[in-house]
C-alpha cells in the first residue's frame, strides 16, 4: 500500500496534520491530526513508498521501546484508520 499522492504532513499551530495539496486538497477537503507516533509512521511510510504493515512495525520496533507485538498492533491500528479515512492507495 502507499499514501495517496498530494497528501502531506504539516505542523499547524503545534499539531501534526495531514492535508491535501493541489487538486488532492479538493478531494480530501479536511485535516487529519496525528499524534507524534502516527506522524513518525506517516513520515516513515513516505520514505518507504510502497510499504507493508510489517515494514512499518519493524521500523517502529527499532526506533521506540516497544515489543514487536505491540509495534505490530499499533501499526495495524493506525493503518486501519488511514484506510478508513481514504488516505492510502
PDB file of N, CA and C in Angstrom:
ATOM      1  N   UNK A   1       0.845  -1.167   0.000  1.00  0.00           N
ATOM      2  CA  UNK A   1       0.000   0.000   0.000  1.00  0.00           C
ATOM      3  C   UNK A   1       0.889   1.228   0.000  1.00  0.00           C
ATOM      4  N   UNK A   2       0.297   2.353  -0.321  1.00  0.00           N
ATOM      5  CA  UNK A   2       1.060   3.597  -0.332  1.00  0.00           C
ATOM      6  C   UNK A   2       0.138   4.762  -0.028  1.00  0.00           C
ATOM      7  N   UNK A   3       0.741   5.880   0.333  1.00  0.00           N
ATOM      8  CA  UNK A   3      -0.027   7.088   0.607  1.00  0.00           C
ATOM      9  C   UNK A   3      -0.568   7.659  -0.695  1.00  0.00           C
ATOM     10  N   UNK A   4      -1.771   8.239  -0.626  1.00  0.00           N
ATOM     11  CA  UNK A   4      -2.307   8.903  -1.818  1.00  0.00           C
ATOM     12  C   UNK A   4      -1.441  10.096  -2.160  1.00  0.00           C
ATOM     13  N   UNK A   5      -1.280  10.345  -3.440  1.00  0.00           N
ATOM     14  CA  UNK A   5      -0.482  11.482  -3.891  1.00  0.00           C
ATOM     15  C   UNK A   5      -1.141  12.787  -3.465  1.00  0.00           C
ATOM     16  N   UNK A   6      -0.295  13.761  -3.172  1.00  0.00           N
ATOM     17  CA  UNK A   6      -0.780  15.087  -2.829  1.00  0.00           C
ATOM     18  C   UNK A   6      -1.079  15.298  -1.368  1.00  0.00           C
ATOM     19  N   UNK A   7      -0.956  14.263  -0.546  1.00  0.00           N
ATOM     20  CA  UNK A   7      -1.178  14.418   0.893  1.00  0.00           C
ATOM     21  C   UNK A   7       0.163  14.620   1.574  1.00  0.00           C
ATOM     22  N   UNK A   8       0.229  15.619   2.432  1.00  0.00           N
ATOM     23  CA  UNK A   8       1.479  15.941   3.111  1.00  0.00           C
ATOM     24  C   UNK A   8       1.249  16.137   4.597  1.00  0.00           C
ATOM     25  N   UNK A   9       2.289  15.899   5.361  1.00  0.00           N
ATOM     26  CA  UNK A   9       2.268  16.122   6.799  1.00  0.00           C
ATOM     27  C   UNK A   9       2.800  17.515   7.067  1.00  0.00           C
ATOM     28  N   UNK A  10       2.035  18.311   7.796  1.00  0.00           N
ATOM     29  CA  UNK A  10       2.430  19.668   8.131  1.00  0.00           C
ATOM     30  C   UNK A  10       2.240  19.903   9.624  1.00  0.00           C
ATOM     31  N   UNK A  11       2.971  20.895  10.126  1.00  0.00           N
ATOM     32  CA  UNK A  11       2.796  21.343  11.502  1.00  0.00           C
ATOM     33  C   UNK A  11       1.905  22.579  11.449  1.00  0.00           C
ATOM     34  N   UNK A  12       0.714  22.478  12.026  1.00  0.00           N
ATOM     35  CA  UNK A  12      -0.241  23.583  12.036  1.00  0.00           C
ATOM     36  C   UNK A  12      -0.565  23.918  13.489  1.00  0.00           C
ATOM     37  N   UNK A  13      -0.108  25.080  13.914  1.00  0.00           N
ATOM     38  CA  UNK A  13      -0.344  25.540  15.292  1.00  0.00           C
ATOM     39  C   UNK A  13       0.084  24.496  16.323  1.00  0.00           C
ATOM     40  N   UNK A  14       1.214  23.855  16.075  1.00  0.00           N
ATOM     41  CA  UNK A  14       1.752  22.883  17.016  1.00  0.00           C
ATOM     42  C   UNK A  14       1.181  21.487  16.885  1.00  0.00           C
ATOM     43  N   UNK A  15       0.252  21.291  15.967  1.00  0.00           N
ATOM     44  CA  UNK A  15      -0.342  19.972  15.728  1.00  0.00           C
ATOM     45  C   UNK A  15       0.169  19.412  14.414  1.00  0.00           C
ATOM     46  N   UNK A  16       0.426  18.117  14.375  1.00  0.00           N
ATOM     47  CA  UNK A  16       0.835  17.459  13.129  1.00  0.00           C
ATOM     48  C   UNK A  16      -0.437  17.027  12.404  1.00  0.00           C
ATOM     49  N   UNK A  17      -0.596  17.501  11.173  1.00  0.00           N
ATOM     50  CA  UNK A  17      -1.804  17.200  10.410  1.00  0.00           C
ATOM     51  C   UNK A  17      -1.456  16.772   8.990  1.00  0.00           C
ATOM     52  N   UNK A  18      -2.285  15.910   8.440  1.00  0.00           N
ATOM     53  CA  UNK A  18      -2.180  15.535   7.042  1.00  0.00           C
ATOM     54  C   UNK A  18      -3.183  16.399   6.292  1.00  0.00           C
ATOM     55  N   UNK A  19      -2.693  17.061   5.263  1.00  0.00           N
ATOM     56  CA  UNK A  19      -3.552  17.890   4.436  1.00  0.00           C
ATOM     57  C   UNK A  19      -3.279  17.585   2.976  1.00  0.00           C
ATOM     58  N   UNK A  20      -4.223  17.931   2.132  1.00  0.00           N
ATOM     59  CA  UNK A  20      -4.040  17.758   0.701  1.00  0.00           C
ATOM     60  C   UNK A  20      -3.499  19.025   0.084  1.00  0.00           C
ATOM     61  N   UNK A  21      -2.648  18.862  -0.911  1.00  0.00           N
ATOM     62  CA  UNK A  21      -2.124  19.996  -1.677  1.00  0.00           C
ATOM     63  C   UNK A  21      -2.603  19.870  -3.117  1.00  0.00           C
ATOM     64  N   UNK A  22      -2.847  20.981  -3.761  1.00  0.00           N
ATOM     65  CA  UNK A  22      -3.273  20.967  -5.164  1.00  0.00           C
ATOM     66  C   UNK A  22      -4.671  20.402  -5.307  1.00  0.00           C
ATOM     67  N   UNK A  23      -4.902  19.669  -6.387  1.00  0.00           N
ATOM     68  CA  UNK A  23      -6.221  19.099  -6.651  1.00  0.00           C
ATOM     69  C   UNK A  23      -6.640  18.103  -5.577  1.00  0.00           C
ATOM     70  N   UNK A  24      -5.666  17.429  -4.959  1.00  0.00           N
ATOM     71  CA  UNK A  24      -5.983  16.474  -3.905  1.00  0.00           C
ATOM     72  C   UNK A  24      -6.624  17.157  -2.708  1.00  0.00           C
ATOM     73  N   UNK A  25      -6.330  18.449  -2.491  1.00  0.00           N
ATOM     74  CA  UNK A  25      -6.932  19.187  -1.387  1.00  0.00           C
ATOM     75  C   UNK A  25      -8.437  19.281  -1.583  1.00  0.00           C
ATOM     76  N   UNK A  26      -8.870  19.428  -2.821  1.00  0.00           N
ATOM     77  CA  UNK A  26     -10.295  19.490  -3.112  1.00  0.00           C
ATOM     78  C   UNK A  26     -10.943  18.140  -2.808  1.00  0.00           C
ATOM     79  N   UNK A  27     -10.284  17.050  -3.210  1.00  0.00           N
ATOM     80  CA  UNK A  27     -10.821  15.717  -2.967  1.00  0.00           C
ATOM     81  C   UNK A  27     -10.786  15.342  -1.489  1.00  0.00           C
ATOM     82  N   UNK A  28      -9.726  15.721  -0.771  1.00  0.00           N
ATOM     83  CA  UNK A  28      -9.576  15.346   0.633  1.00  0.00           C
ATOM     84  C   UNK A  28     -10.425  16.252   1.511  1.00  0.00           C
ATOM     85  N   UNK A  29     -10.294  17.556   1.357  1.00  0.00           N
ATOM     86  CA  UNK A  29     -11.171  18.531   1.989  1.00  0.00           C
ATOM     87  C   UNK A  29     -11.205  18.568   3.499  1.00  0.00           C
ATOM     88  N   UNK A  30     -10.189  18.100   4.177  1.00  0.00           N
ATOM     89  CA  UNK A  30     -10.168  18.135   5.644  1.00  0.00           C
ATOM     90  C   UNK A  30      -8.739  18.003   6.150  1.00  0.00           C
ATOM     91  N   UNK A  31      -8.586  18.136   7.439  1.00  0.00           N
ATOM     92  CA  UNK A  31      -7.307  17.918   8.094  1.00  0.00           C
ATOM     93  C   UNK A  31      -7.423  16.643   8.921  1.00  0.00           C
ATOM     94  N   UNK A  32      -6.346  15.902   8.998  1.00  0.00           N
ATOM     95  CA  UNK A  32      -6.310  14.726   9.863  1.00  0.00           C
ATOM     96  C   UNK A  32      -5.174  14.918  10.847  1.00  0.00           C
ATOM     97  N   UNK A  33      -5.505  15.062  12.127  1.00  0.00           N
ATOM     98  CA  UNK A  33      -4.492  15.260  13.166  1.00  0.00           C
ATOM     99  C   UNK A  33      -3.868  13.921  13.548  1.00  0.00           C
ATOM    100  N   UNK A  34      -2.553  13.946  13.746  1.00  0.00           N
ATOM    101  CA  UNK A  34      -1.812  12.747  14.137  1.00  0.00           C
ATOM    102  C   UNK A  34      -1.049  13.012  15.420  1.00  0.00           C
ATOM    103  N   UNK A  35      -0.953  11.986  16.273  1.00  0.00           N
ATOM    104  CA  UNK A  35      -0.068  12.120  17.421  1.00  0.00           C
ATOM    105  C   UNK A  35       1.367  11.932  16.935  1.00  0.00           C
ATOM    106  N   UNK A  36       2.323  12.101  17.834  1.00  0.00           N
ATOM    107  CA  UNK A  36       3.729  12.055  17.426  1.00  0.00           C
ATOM    108  C   UNK A  36       4.117  10.721  16.790  1.00  0.00           C
ATOM    109  N   UNK A  37       3.634   9.618  17.354  1.00  0.00           N
ATOM    110  CA  UNK A  37       3.979   8.304  16.815  1.00  0.00           C
ATOM    111  C   UNK A  37       3.354   8.093  15.442  1.00  0.00           C
ATOM    112  N   UNK A  38       2.098   8.459  15.288  1.00  0.00           N
ATOM    113  CA  UNK A  38       1.426   8.319  13.994  1.00  0.00           C
ATOM    114  C   UNK A  38       2.101   9.201  12.950  1.00  0.00           C
ATOM    115  N   UNK A  39       2.526  10.405  13.349  1.00  0.00           N
ATOM    116  CA  UNK A  39       3.228  11.299  12.418  1.00  0.00           C
ATOM    117  C   UNK A  39       4.564  10.683  12.015  1.00  0.00           C
ATOM    118  N   UNK A  40       5.267  10.078  12.959  1.00  0.00           N
ATOM    119  CA  UNK A  40       6.534   9.410  12.653  1.00  0.00           C
ATOM    120  C   UNK A  40       6.293   8.267  11.667  1.00  0.00           C
ATOM    121  N   UNK A  41       5.232   7.495  11.900  1.00  0.00           N
ATOM    122  CA  UNK A  41       4.902   6.395  10.987  1.00  0.00           C
ATOM    123  C   UNK A  41       4.538   6.912   9.599  1.00  0.00           C
ATOM    124  N   UNK A  42       3.811   8.037   9.528  1.00  0.00           N
ATOM    125  CA  UNK A  42       3.454   8.624   8.237  1.00  0.00           C
ATOM    126  C   UNK A  42       4.718   9.016   7.470  1.00  0.00           C
ATOM    127  N   UNK A  43       5.654   9.644   8.180  1.00  0.00           N
ATOM    128  CA  UNK A  43       6.912  10.040   7.535  1.00  0.00           C
ATOM    129  C   UNK A  43       7.703   8.813   7.084  1.00  0.00           C
ATOM    130  N   UNK A  44       7.735   7.779   7.905  1.00  0.00           N
ATOM    131  CA  UNK A  44       8.454   6.548   7.554  1.00  0.00           C
ATOM    132  C   UNK A  44       7.792   5.885   6.342  1.00  0.00           C
ATOM    133  N   UNK A  45       6.470   5.844   6.307  1.00  0.00           N
ATOM    134  CA  UNK A  45       5.756   5.275   5.158  1.00  0.00           C
ATOM    135  C   UNK A  45       6.061   6.074   3.895  1.00  0.00           C
ATOM    136  N   UNK A  46       6.185   7.378   4.044  1.00  0.00           N
ATOM    137  CA  UNK A  46       6.522   8.232   2.904  1.00  0.00           C
ATOM    138  C   UNK A  46       7.919   7.912   2.385  1.00  0.00           C
ATOM    139  N   UNK A  47       8.863   7.679   3.292  1.00  0.00           N
ATOM    140  CA  UNK A  47      10.232   7.315   2.908  1.00  0.00           C
ATOM    141  C   UNK A  47      10.255   5.982   2.161  1.00  0.00           C
ATOM    142  N   UNK A  48       9.486   5.015   2.648  1.00  0.00           N
ATOM    143  CA  UNK A  48       9.484   3.674   2.063  1.00  0.00           C
ATOM    144  C   UNK A  48       8.796   3.684   0.700  1.00  0.00           C
ATOM    145  N   UNK A  49       7.707   4.415   0.600  1.00  0.00           N
ATOM    146  CA  UNK A  49       6.937   4.430  -0.643  1.00  0.00           C
ATOM    147  C   UNK A  49       5.858   3.375  -0.605  1.00  0.00           C
ATOM    148  N   UNK A  50       6.074   2.258  -1.267  1.00  0.00           N
ATOM    149  CA  UNK A  50       5.120   1.155  -1.256  1.00  0.00           C
ATOM    150  C   UNK A  50       5.449   0.308  -0.026  1.00  0.00           C
ATOM    151  N   UNK A  51       4.692   0.496   1.050  1.00  0.00           N
ATOM    152  CA  UNK A  51       5.036  -0.107   2.343  1.00  0.00           C
ATOM    153  C   UNK A  51       4.061  -1.206   2.732  1.00  0.00           C
ATOM    154  N   UNK A  52       4.497  -2.005   3.691  1.00  0.00           N
ATOM    155  CA  UNK A  52       3.618  -3.018   4.294  1.00  0.00           C
ATOM    156  C   UNK A  52       3.511  -2.721   5.788  1.00  0.00           C
ATOM    157  N   UNK A  53       2.486  -3.267   6.392  1.00  0.00           N
ATOM    158  CA  UNK A  53       2.301  -3.132   7.840  1.00  0.00           C
ATOM    159  C   UNK A  53       3.523  -3.690   8.560  1.00  0.00           C
ATOM    160  N   UNK A  54       4.030  -4.798   8.067  1.00  0.00           N
ATOM    161  CA  UNK A  54       5.177  -5.442   8.715  1.00  0.00           C
ATOM    162  C   UNK A  54       6.423  -4.563   8.655  1.00  0.00           C
ATOM    163  N   UNK A  55       6.643  -3.884   7.526  1.00  0.00           N
ATOM    164  CA  UNK A  55       7.801  -2.990   7.410  1.00  0.00           C
ATOM    165  C   UNK A  55       7.699  -1.834   8.401  1.00  0.00           C
ATOM    166  N   UNK A  56       6.511  -1.238   8.488  1.00  0.00           N
ATOM    167  CA  UNK A  56       6.338  -0.132   9.438  1.00  0.00           C
ATOM    168  C   UNK A  56       6.473  -0.606  10.881  1.00  0.00           C
ATOM    169  N   UNK A  57       5.946  -1.789  11.177  1.00  0.00           N
ATOM    170  CA  UNK A  57       6.051  -2.325  12.542  1.00  0.00           C
ATOM    171  C   UNK A  57       7.511  -2.581  12.911  1.00  0.00           C
ATOM    172  N   UNK A  58       8.286  -3.094  11.988  1.00  0.00           N
ATOM    173  CA  UNK A  58       9.710  -3.336  12.244  1.00  0.00           C
ATOM    174  C   UNK A  58      10.435  -2.012  12.485  1.00  0.00           C
ATOM    175  N   UNK A  59      10.117  -1.003  11.695  1.00  0.00           N
ATOM    176  CA  UNK A  59      10.738   0.311  11.876  1.00  0.00           C
ATOM    177  C   UNK A  59      10.351   0.907  13.231  1.00  0.00           C
ATOM    178  N   UNK A  60       9.091   0.757  13.627  1.00  0.00           N
ATOM    179  CA  UNK A  60       8.621   1.265  14.920  1.00  0.00           C
ATOM    180  C   UNK A  60       9.338   0.551  16.063  1.00  0.00           C
ATOM    181  N   UNK A  61       9.461  -0.768  15.945  1.00  0.00           N
ATOM    182  CA  UNK A  61      10.152  -1.567  16.953  1.00  0.00           C
ATOM    183  C   UNK A  61      11.604  -1.115  17.109  1.00  0.00           C
ATOM    184  N   UNK A  62      12.268  -0.851  15.989  1.00  0.00           N
ATOM    185  CA  UNK A  62      13.676  -0.458  16.035  1.00  0.00           C
ATOM    186  C   UNK A  62      13.879   0.958  16.585  1.00  0.00           C
ATOM    187  N   UNK A  63      12.898   1.822  16.395  1.00  0.00           N
ATOM    188  CA  UNK A  63      13.040   3.229  16.797  1.00  0.00           C
ATOM    189  C   UNK A  63      12.604   3.498  18.238  1.00  0.00           C
ATOM    190  N   UNK A  64      11.574   2.784  18.698  1.00  0.00           N
ATOM    191  CA  UNK A  64      10.982   3.052  20.008  1.00  0.00           C
ATOM    192  C   UNK A  64      11.084   1.834  20.914  1.00  0.00           C
ATOM    193  N   UNK A  65      10.912   2.061  22.183  1.00  0.00           N
ATOM    194  CA  UNK A  65      10.992   0.981  23.160  1.00  0.00           C
ATOM    195  C   UNK A  65       9.634   0.305  23.298  1.00  0.00           C
ATOM    196  N   UNK A  66       9.319  -0.538  22.322  1.00  0.00           N
ATOM    197  CA  UNK A  66       8.086  -1.324  22.324  1.00  0.00           C
ATOM    198  C   UNK A  66       8.427  -2.745  21.917  1.00  0.00           C
ATOM    199  N   UNK A  67       7.561  -3.657  22.288  1.00  0.00           N
ATOM    200  CA  UNK A  67       7.754  -5.038  21.854  1.00  0.00           C
ATOM    201  C   UNK A  67       7.354  -5.154  20.377  1.00  0.00           C
ATOM    202  N   UNK A  68       7.804  -6.212  19.751  1.00  0.00           N
ATOM    203  CA  UNK A  68       7.424  -6.439  18.350  1.00  0.00           C
ATOM    204  C   UNK A  68       5.911  -6.603  18.223  1.00  0.00           C
ATOM    205  N   UNK A  69       5.314  -7.282  19.196  1.00  0.00           N
ATOM    206  CA  UNK A  69       3.869  -7.495  19.165  1.00  0.00           C
ATOM    207  C   UNK A  69       3.123  -6.177  19.293  1.00  0.00           C
ATOM    208  N   UNK A  70       3.565  -5.304  20.198  1.00  0.00           N
ATOM    209  CA  UNK A  70       2.909  -4.009  20.383  1.00  0.00           C
ATOM    210  C   UNK A  70       3.099  -3.130  19.153  1.00  0.00           C
ATOM    211  N   UNK A  71       4.296  -3.156  18.588  1.00  0.00           N
ATOM    212  CA  UNK A  71       4.558  -2.372  17.376  1.00  0.00           C
ATOM    213  C   UNK A  71       3.638  -2.817  16.252  1.00  0.00           C
ATOM    214  N   UNK A  72       3.486  -4.122  16.072  1.00  0.00           N
ATOM    215  CA  UNK A  72       2.627  -4.637  15.008  1.00  0.00           C
ATOM    216  C   UNK A  72       1.172  -4.231  15.238  1.00  0.00           C
ATOM    217  N   UNK A  73       0.700  -4.341  16.463  1.00  0.00           N
ATOM    218  CA  UNK A  73      -0.686  -3.972  16.753  1.00  0.00           C
ATOM    219  C   UNK A  73      -0.911  -2.481  16.552  1.00  0.00           C
ATOM    220  N   UNK A  74       0.028  -1.666  17.010  1.00  0.00           N
ATOM    221  CA  UNK A  74      -0.103  -0.214  16.843  1.00  0.00           C
ATOM    222  C   UNK A  74      -0.147   0.172  15.368  1.00  0.00           C
ATOM    223  N   UNK A  75       0.713  -0.442  14.570  1.00  0.00           N
ATOM    224  CA  UNK A  75       0.741  -0.131  13.133  1.00  0.00           C
ATOM    225  C   UNK A  75      -0.544  -0.614  12.467  1.00  0.00           C
ATOM    226  N   UNK A  76      -1.016  -1.799  12.824  1.00  0.00           N
ATOM    227  CA  UNK A  76      -2.280  -2.291  12.261  1.00  0.00           C
ATOM    228  C   UNK A  76      -3.410  -1.308  12.563  1.00  0.00           C
ATOM    229  N   UNK A  77      -3.440  -0.795  13.792  1.00  0.00           N
ATOM    230  CA  UNK A  77      -4.499   0.134  14.191  1.00  0.00           C
ATOM    231  C   UNK A  77      -4.452   1.433  13.392  1.00  0.00           C
ATOM    232  N   UNK A  78      -3.267   2.027  13.267  1.00  0.00           N
ATOM    233  CA  UNK A  78      -3.180   3.313  12.567  1.00  0.00           C
ATOM    234  C   UNK A  78      -3.401   3.128  11.073  1.00  0.00           C
ATOM    235  N   UNK A  79      -2.894   2.055  10.493  1.00  0.00           N
ATOM    236  CA  UNK A  79      -3.103   1.820   9.062  1.00  0.00           C
ATOM    237  C   UNK A  79      -4.594   1.599   8.783  1.00  0.00           C
ATOM    238  N   UNK A  80      -5.287   0.914   9.675  1.00  0.00           N
ATOM    239  CA  UNK A  80      -6.735   0.720   9.511  1.00  0.00           C
ATOM    240  C   UNK A  80      -7.456   2.068   9.508  1.00  0.00           C
ATOM    241  N   UNK A  81      -7.036   2.981  10.375  1.00  0.00           N
ATOM    242  CA  UNK A  81      -7.641   4.326  10.405  1.00  0.00           C
ATOM    243  C   UNK A  81      -7.321   5.082   9.122  1.00  0.00           C
ATOM    244  N   UNK A  82      -6.088   4.953   8.638  1.00  0.00           N
ATOM    245  CA  UNK A  82      -5.712   5.619   7.393  1.00  0.00           C
ATOM    246  C   UNK A  82      -6.532   5.077   6.227  1.00  0.00           C
ATOM    247  N   UNK A  83      -6.732   3.760   6.207  1.00  0.00           N
ATOM    248  CA  UNK A  83      -7.533   3.166   5.129  1.00  0.00           C
ATOM    249  C   UNK A  83      -8.978   3.632   5.220  1.00  0.00           C
ATOM    250  N   UNK A  84      -9.519   3.657   6.417  1.00  0.00           N
ATOM    251  CA  UNK A  84     -10.896   4.104   6.639  1.00  0.00           C
ATOM    252  C   UNK A  84     -11.100   5.553   6.176  1.00  0.00           C
ATOM    253  N   UNK A  85     -10.077   6.374   6.395  1.00  0.00           N
ATOM    254  CA  UNK A  85     -10.139   7.782   6.022  1.00  0.00           C
ATOM    255  C   UNK A  85      -9.913   7.972   4.529  1.00  0.00           C
ATOM    256  N   UNK A  86      -9.358   6.977   3.879  1.00  0.00           N
ATOM    257  CA  UNK A  86      -9.137   7.054   2.437  1.00  0.00           C
ATOM    258  C   UNK A  86      -7.864   7.755   2.036  1.00  0.00           C
ATOM    259  N   UNK A  87      -6.845   7.731   2.900  1.00  0.00           N
ATOM    260  CA  UNK A  87      -5.593   8.415   2.576  1.00  0.00           C
ATOM    261  C   UNK A  87      -4.514   7.458   2.063  1.00  0.00           C
ATOM    262  N   UNK A  88      -4.890   6.187   1.869  1.00  0.00           N
ATOM    263  CA  UNK A  88      -3.962   5.201   1.306  1.00  0.00           C
ATOM    264  C   UNK A  88      -4.524   4.641   0.008  1.00  0.00           C
ATOM    265  N   UNK A  89      -3.608   4.193  -0.842  1.00  0.00           N
ATOM    266  CA  UNK A  89      -3.996   3.526  -2.086  1.00  0.00           C
ATOM    267  C   UNK A  89      -3.651   2.057  -1.981  1.00  0.00           C
TER     268      UNK A  89
END
